[in-house]
Amino acid sequence: MSAFFESLSLNWEQVIAAAVRIIIIAVVMVIAVRLVKLFFRRATSKAAEKGHDTGYLRFFRAIIVAVIYVICIASMLSEIPGLSSFMTAILAGSGIVALFIGIASQEAAGNLISGVMILVFRPFRVGDQIRYITGNLTGIVEEIGLRHTVVRTLENKRVLIPNGLMNTNVVENANYGGDQVSFFLNLAITYSSDPERAMEIMAGIIAAHPHFIDPRTPEEREAGKAPVTVLIKEFAESAIQLQSTVRVGDPSVGGRMKSDLLLEAKRQFEAAGIALAYPTVTLDVPSTQK
């Protein structure tokens, strides 16, 4: 610590010279960071226009910016006489501080390595719709950074999940291997309704939707197989359960498509005299004898 206190007796010329050098380094740091961000912003826009993955560009941008900050801050600190010796004395005399720094560095390195593995093996990419099963979280991947992955939820909130957790836990990716996904459309009609007519209407509504994807192979089309299959799932206590598997090309429109189908089904069922079922209770009250 003596070196640090000795440095306090510097003359004003040394202090001013050190301050000028620190300011110059800070200005260089700010300009370099802005140039790097500008370059990667343009590169990311061009890659996105061509439909390429932009996750690796964001990741490398974060690495370069972090390196610039570390080098410039270390350079600024080195301009302060006696500070390096002072910090060395503190760290050498405090094993607890050194232990905390080691643990933090280990966690940071683990997240960094996990981020690299995500970019290399690509279990998900920027723009994919994923479900983080451990946290029951669904959203769109917005960024894969040095430490964490940013997920925009359906409520338009950003959730930051450490890369280590994203790399070790189960993640459901709706876009992995292709953008097409499927969902079940379930409708319940009363026993007094015509199930065959209801199945016919239901198939027509699904096939007519603009986002519907025909799942048939060329051979199935030549054989005359119907594009939509509607089945009776079960005879429930108070309803006939109908079910169909609907294929959609974009996971982001699946929820809206399901809403459209349900609304149109209600309209056409009512027009055809088909009643949607709902839980009912029938009471059989015995007559009292006088």
Protein backbone atom coordinates (compact mmCIF):
# COMPACT_ATOMS: atom_id res chain seq x y z
CA MET A 1 0.00 0.00 0.00
CA SER A 2 3.01 2.29 0.43
CA ALA A 3 3.37 2.60 -3.36
CA PHE A 4 -0.21 3.84 -3.61
CA PHE A 5 0.21 6.51 -0.94
CA GLU A 6 3.55 7.57 -2.41
CA SER A 7 1.76 8.16 -5.72
CA LEU A 8 -0.47 10.75 -4.00
CA SER A 9 2.54 13.08 -3.78
CA LEU A 10 2.80 13.44 -7.57
CA ASN A 11 3.10 16.92 -8.97
CA TRP A 12 0.33 18.50 -11.00
CA GLU A 13 2.12 17.98 -14.31
CA GLN A 14 2.11 14.21 -13.85
CA VAL A 15 -1.52 14.25 -12.75
CA ILE A 16 -2.61 16.32 -15.76
CA ALA A 17 -0.61 14.14 -18.17
CA ALA A 18 -2.16 10.97 -16.77
CA ALA A 19 -5.64 12.52 -16.94
CA VAL A 20 -5.13 13.50 -20.59
CA ARG A 21 -4.01 9.98 -21.49
CA ILE A 22 -7.02 8.48 -19.69
CA ILE A 23 -9.39 10.82 -21.55
CA ILE A 24 -7.80 9.91 -24.89
CA ILE A 25 -8.15 6.20 -24.14
CA ALA A 26 -11.80 6.70 -23.12
CA VAL A 27 -12.56 8.58 -26.35
CA VAL A 28 -10.88 5.86 -28.41
CA MET A 29 -12.90 3.24 -26.52
CA VAL A 30 -16.22 4.97 -27.20
CA ILE A 31 -15.44 5.48 -30.89
CA ALA A 32 -14.23 1.90 -31.35
CA VAL A 33 -17.35 0.46 -29.67
CA ARG A 34 -19.65 2.59 -31.82
CA LEU A 35 -17.84 1.61 -35.02
CA VAL A 36 -18.01 -2.08 -34.12
CA LYS A 37 -21.73 -1.86 -33.33
CA LEU A 38 -22.39 0.05 -36.56
CA PHE A 39 -20.53 -2.53 -38.62
CA PHE A 40 -22.33 -5.47 -37.05
CA ARG A 41 -25.70 -3.70 -37.25
CA ARG A 42 -25.31 -3.38 -41.02
CA ALA A 43 -23.99 -6.92 -41.36
CA THR A 44 -26.91 -8.26 -39.30
CA SER A 45 -29.45 -6.38 -41.44
CA LYS A 46 -27.97 -7.77 -44.66
CA ALA A 47 -27.90 -11.31 -43.24
CA ALA A 48 -31.51 -11.01 -42.07
CA GLU A 49 -32.64 -9.78 -45.50
CA LYS A 50 -31.08 -12.90 -47.06
CA GLY A 51 -32.73 -15.15 -44.48
CA HIS A 52 -29.45 -16.15 -42.81
CA ASP A 53 -28.96 -16.79 -39.12
CA THR A 54 -27.84 -13.61 -37.33
CA GLY A 55 -27.10 -15.15 -33.93
CA TYR A 56 -23.39 -15.63 -34.55
CA LEU A 57 -23.00 -11.99 -35.63
CA ARG A 58 -24.59 -10.75 -32.41
CA PHE A 59 -22.40 -13.12 -30.42
CA PHE A 60 -19.14 -12.00 -32.07
CA ARG A 61 -20.18 -8.36 -31.68
CA ALA A 62 -20.58 -8.91 -27.94
CA ILE A 63 -17.15 -10.57 -27.73
CA ILE A 64 -15.37 -7.79 -29.63
CA VAL A 65 -17.08 -5.07 -27.61
CA ALA A 66 -16.15 -6.85 -24.37
CA VAL A 67 -12.51 -7.14 -25.47
CA ILE A 68 -12.39 -3.44 -26.32
CA TYR A 69 -13.79 -2.52 -22.92
CA VAL A 70 -11.36 -4.79 -21.06
CA ILE A 71 -8.29 -3.51 -22.94
CA CYS A 72 -9.24 0.16 -22.66
CA ILE A 73 -10.24 0.01 -19.00
CA ALA A 74 -7.04 -1.86 -18.14
CA SER A 75 -5.07 0.77 -20.05
CA MET A 76 -6.79 3.59 -18.18
CA LEU A 77 -6.12 1.95 -14.83
CA SER A 78 -2.48 1.45 -15.73
CA GLU A 79 -2.14 5.22 -16.20
CA ILE A 80 -2.83 5.74 -12.49
CA PRO A 81 0.56 5.41 -10.75
CA GLY A 82 0.62 2.96 -7.90
CA LEU A 83 -2.87 1.59 -8.52
CA SER A 84 -1.71 -1.74 -9.90
CA SER A 85 0.50 -2.33 -6.88
CA PHE A 86 -2.32 -1.31 -4.56
CA MET A 87 -4.81 -3.74 -6.15
CA THR A 88 -2.23 -6.52 -6.11
CA ALA A 89 -1.66 -6.02 -2.40
CA ILE A 90 -5.39 -6.17 -1.69
CA LEU A 91 -5.95 -9.32 -3.73
CA ALA A 92 -2.88 -11.02 -2.29
CA GLY A 93 -4.05 -10.34 1.25
CA SER A 94 -7.66 -11.38 0.73
CA GLY A 95 -8.29 -15.01 -0.15
CA ILE A 96 -12.06 -14.49 0.04
CA VAL A 97 -11.99 -11.87 -2.72
CA ALA A 98 -9.85 -14.14 -4.85
CA LEU A 99 -12.26 -17.02 -4.24
CA PHE A 100 -15.29 -14.92 -5.26
CA ILE A 101 -13.52 -13.76 -8.42
CA GLY A 102 -12.63 -17.35 -9.28
CA ILE A 103 -16.21 -18.55 -8.85
CA ALA A 104 -17.59 -15.65 -10.88
CA SER A 105 -15.04 -16.25 -13.63
CA GLN A 106 -15.90 -19.95 -13.72
CA GLU A 107 -19.61 -19.21 -14.13
CA ALA A 108 -18.93 -16.58 -16.78
CA ALA A 109 -16.65 -18.95 -18.68
CA GLY A 110 -19.29 -21.69 -18.51
CA ASN A 111 -21.94 -19.40 -19.97
CA LEU A 112 -19.53 -18.23 -22.67
CA ILE A 113 -18.67 -21.80 -23.68
CA SER A 114 -22.37 -22.74 -23.63
CA GLY A 115 -23.10 -19.78 -25.90
CA VAL A 116 -20.44 -20.97 -28.35
CA MET A 117 -21.92 -24.49 -28.30
CA ILE A 118 -25.39 -23.11 -29.00
CA LEU A 119 -24.07 -21.22 -32.01
CA VAL A 120 -22.12 -24.23 -33.30
CA PHE A 121 -24.73 -26.98 -32.84
CA ARG A 122 -27.75 -24.66 -33.32
CA PRO A 123 -30.45 -26.25 -31.17
CA PHE A 124 -32.18 -22.91 -31.73
CA ARG A 125 -31.44 -19.70 -33.60
CA VAL A 126 -32.43 -16.06 -33.40
CA GLY A 127 -36.05 -15.82 -34.54
CA ASP A 128 -37.04 -19.37 -33.50
CA GLN A 129 -40.08 -19.96 -31.34
CA ILE A 130 -39.02 -22.09 -28.38
CA ARG A 131 -40.46 -23.40 -25.13
CA TYR A 132 -38.11 -23.54 -22.16
CA ILE A 133 -39.73 -26.54 -20.53
CA THR A 134 -38.00 -26.23 -17.14
CA GLY A 135 -39.48 -22.76 -16.63
CA ASN A 136 -42.62 -23.39 -18.72
CA LEU A 137 -41.69 -20.36 -20.84
CA THR A 138 -42.62 -19.85 -24.50
CA GLY A 139 -41.28 -17.08 -26.72
CA ILE A 140 -39.11 -15.95 -29.62
CA VAL A 141 -35.30 -15.99 -29.38
CA GLU A 142 -34.11 -12.40 -29.85
CA GLU A 143 -30.43 -12.61 -28.96
CA ILE A 144 -27.73 -15.10 -27.99
CA GLY A 145 -25.18 -13.15 -25.97
CA LEU A 146 -21.96 -13.89 -24.11
CA ARG A 147 -23.73 -14.71 -20.86
CA HIS A 148 -27.42 -15.21 -21.59
CA THR A 149 -30.07 -15.81 -24.22
CA VAL A 150 -32.84 -13.22 -24.57
CA VAL A 151 -36.34 -14.64 -25.15
CA ARG A 152 -39.32 -12.42 -25.98
CA THR A 153 -42.43 -13.97 -24.46
CA LEU A 154 -45.95 -13.92 -25.86
CA GLU A 155 -46.67 -11.03 -23.45
CA ASN A 156 -43.87 -9.06 -25.19
CA LYS A 157 -41.61 -9.31 -22.14
CA ARG A 158 -37.89 -10.10 -22.34
CA VAL A 159 -36.55 -12.97 -20.25
CA LEU A 160 -32.78 -13.42 -19.86
CA ILE A 161 -31.78 -17.05 -19.39
CA PRO A 162 -28.10 -17.96 -18.76
CA ASN A 163 -26.58 -19.89 -21.66
CA GLY A 164 -25.53 -22.66 -19.29
CA LEU A 165 -29.18 -23.37 -18.43
CA MET A 166 -30.27 -23.15 -22.07
CA ASN A 167 -27.55 -25.64 -23.00
CA THR A 168 -28.27 -28.20 -20.28
CA ASN A 169 -32.07 -28.09 -19.91
CA VAL A 170 -34.76 -29.33 -22.29
CA VAL A 171 -35.84 -26.78 -24.91
CA GLU A 172 -38.69 -27.36 -27.36
CA ASN A 173 -38.01 -25.67 -30.71
CA ALA A 174 -40.98 -25.30 -33.06
CA ASN A 175 -38.67 -24.24 -35.93
CA TYR A 176 -36.06 -26.98 -35.61
CA GLY A 177 -35.80 -28.95 -38.85
CA GLY A 178 -38.51 -26.82 -40.48
CA ASP A 179 -41.13 -24.21 -39.78
CA GLN A 180 -44.21 -26.42 -40.11
CA VAL A 181 -45.98 -27.40 -36.89
CA SER A 182 -49.28 -29.05 -36.05
CA PHE A 183 -51.94 -28.56 -33.41
CA PHE A 184 -55.15 -30.36 -32.46
CA LEU A 185 -58.52 -28.78 -33.14
CA ASN A 186 -61.11 -30.24 -30.77
CA LEU A 187 -64.85 -29.62 -30.95
CA ALA A 188 -67.65 -31.15 -28.92
CA ILE A 189 -71.18 -31.52 -30.29
CA THR A 190 -74.35 -32.79 -28.65
CA TYR A 191 -75.62 -36.33 -29.19
CA SER A 192 -78.67 -34.96 -30.97
CA SER A 193 -76.49 -33.41 -33.68
CA ASP A 194 -75.37 -35.11 -36.90
CA PRO A 195 -71.70 -36.09 -36.39
CA GLU A 196 -71.04 -36.84 -40.07
CA ARG A 197 -72.27 -33.40 -41.11
CA ALA A 198 -70.24 -31.79 -38.34
CA MET A 199 -67.09 -33.64 -39.47
CA GLU A 200 -67.69 -32.53 -43.06
CA ILE A 201 -68.08 -28.87 -42.05
CA MET A 202 -65.05 -29.05 -39.80
CA ALA A 203 -62.84 -30.48 -42.59
CA GLY A 204 -64.01 -27.80 -45.03
CA ILE A 205 -63.28 -24.96 -42.60
CA ILE A 206 -59.73 -26.22 -41.97
CA ALA A 207 -58.90 -26.79 -45.65
CA ALA A 208 -60.18 -23.33 -46.59
CA HIS A 209 -58.00 -21.43 -44.14
CA PRO A 210 -55.16 -19.53 -45.92
CA HIS A 211 -52.51 -20.72 -43.45
CA PHE A 212 -53.42 -24.39 -43.73
CA ILE A 213 -50.66 -26.64 -45.08
CA ASP A 214 -51.69 -29.75 -47.00
CA PRO A 215 -49.82 -32.65 -45.31
CA ARG A 216 -50.50 -35.18 -48.09
CA THR A 217 -47.69 -36.73 -50.11
CA PRO A 218 -47.92 -36.69 -53.94
CA GLU A 219 -48.90 -40.37 -53.86
CA GLU A 220 -51.70 -39.68 -51.37
CA ARG A 221 -53.01 -36.87 -53.54
CA GLU A 222 -53.07 -39.09 -56.61
CA ALA A 223 -54.93 -41.71 -54.61
CA GLY A 224 -57.58 -39.13 -53.73
CA LYS A 225 -56.94 -38.92 -50.00
CA ALA A 226 -58.71 -36.00 -48.35
CA PRO A 227 -56.45 -33.09 -47.23
CA VAL A 228 -58.07 -33.00 -43.78
CA THR A 229 -58.98 -35.93 -41.58
CA VAL A 230 -61.56 -35.48 -38.84
CA LEU A 231 -62.13 -38.28 -36.36
CA ILE A 232 -64.48 -38.99 -33.50
CA LYS A 233 -62.15 -38.91 -30.54
CA GLU A 234 -64.60 -40.34 -28.01
CA PHE A 235 -68.17 -40.46 -26.78
CA ALA A 236 -67.95 -38.37 -23.66
CA GLU A 237 -70.56 -38.10 -20.93
CA SER A 238 -72.38 -35.17 -22.50
CA ALA A 239 -70.81 -34.74 -25.96
CA ILE A 240 -69.34 -36.34 -29.06
CA GLN A 241 -65.70 -35.26 -29.18
CA LEU A 242 -64.36 -34.47 -32.67
CA GLN A 243 -60.66 -33.97 -33.36
CA SER A 244 -58.48 -33.03 -36.32
CA THR A 245 -54.74 -32.44 -36.69
CA VAL A 246 -54.06 -29.09 -38.37
CA ARG A 247 -50.75 -28.35 -40.11
CA VAL A 248 -49.57 -24.73 -40.24
CA GLY A 249 -46.52 -23.28 -41.98
CA ASP A 250 -45.60 -20.62 -39.42
CA PRO A 251 -45.70 -21.31 -35.66
CA SER A 252 -46.30 -17.64 -34.94
CA VAL A 253 -49.72 -17.71 -36.63
CA GLY A 254 -50.87 -21.00 -35.13
CA GLY A 255 -52.73 -19.38 -32.24
CA ARG A 256 -54.53 -16.93 -34.51
CA MET A 257 -55.40 -19.69 -36.96
CA LYS A 258 -56.93 -21.82 -34.20
CA SER A 259 -59.05 -18.87 -33.09
CA ASP A 260 -60.25 -18.31 -36.67
CA LEU A 261 -61.21 -21.97 -37.05
CA LEU A 262 -63.15 -22.08 -33.78
CA LEU A 263 -65.08 -18.93 -34.61
CA GLU A 264 -65.94 -20.11 -38.13
CA ALA A 265 -66.94 -23.54 -36.82
CA LYS A 266 -69.40 -21.95 -34.39
CA ARG A 267 -70.95 -19.92 -37.18
CA GLN A 268 -71.33 -22.79 -39.61
CA PHE A 269 -72.46 -25.27 -36.96
CA GLU A 270 -75.24 -22.91 -35.87
CA ALA A 271 -76.30 -22.40 -39.50
CA ALA A 272 -76.44 -26.18 -40.03
CA GLY A 273 -78.37 -26.82 -36.82
CA ILE A 274 -75.44 -28.50 -35.07
CA ALA A 275 -75.20 -27.65 -31.38
CA LEU A 276 -71.90 -27.32 -29.58
CA ALA A 277 -71.98 -29.25 -26.33
CA TYR A 278 -71.39 -27.88 -22.87
CA PRO A 279 -71.63 -29.53 -19.45
CA THR A 280 -75.21 -30.03 -18.35
CA VAL A 281 -76.85 -31.59 -15.33
CA THR A 282 -80.25 -33.34 -15.47
CA LEU A 283 -82.12 -33.63 -12.22
CA ASP A 284 -84.73 -36.37 -11.80
CA VAL A 285 -86.93 -35.22 -8.95
CA PRO A 286 -89.39 -37.90 -7.79
CA SER A 287 -92.91 -36.73 -7.29
CA THR A 288 -94.11 -36.62 -3.71
CA GLN A 289 -97.08 -38.73 -2.83
CA LYS A 290 -99.69 -37.29 -0.55
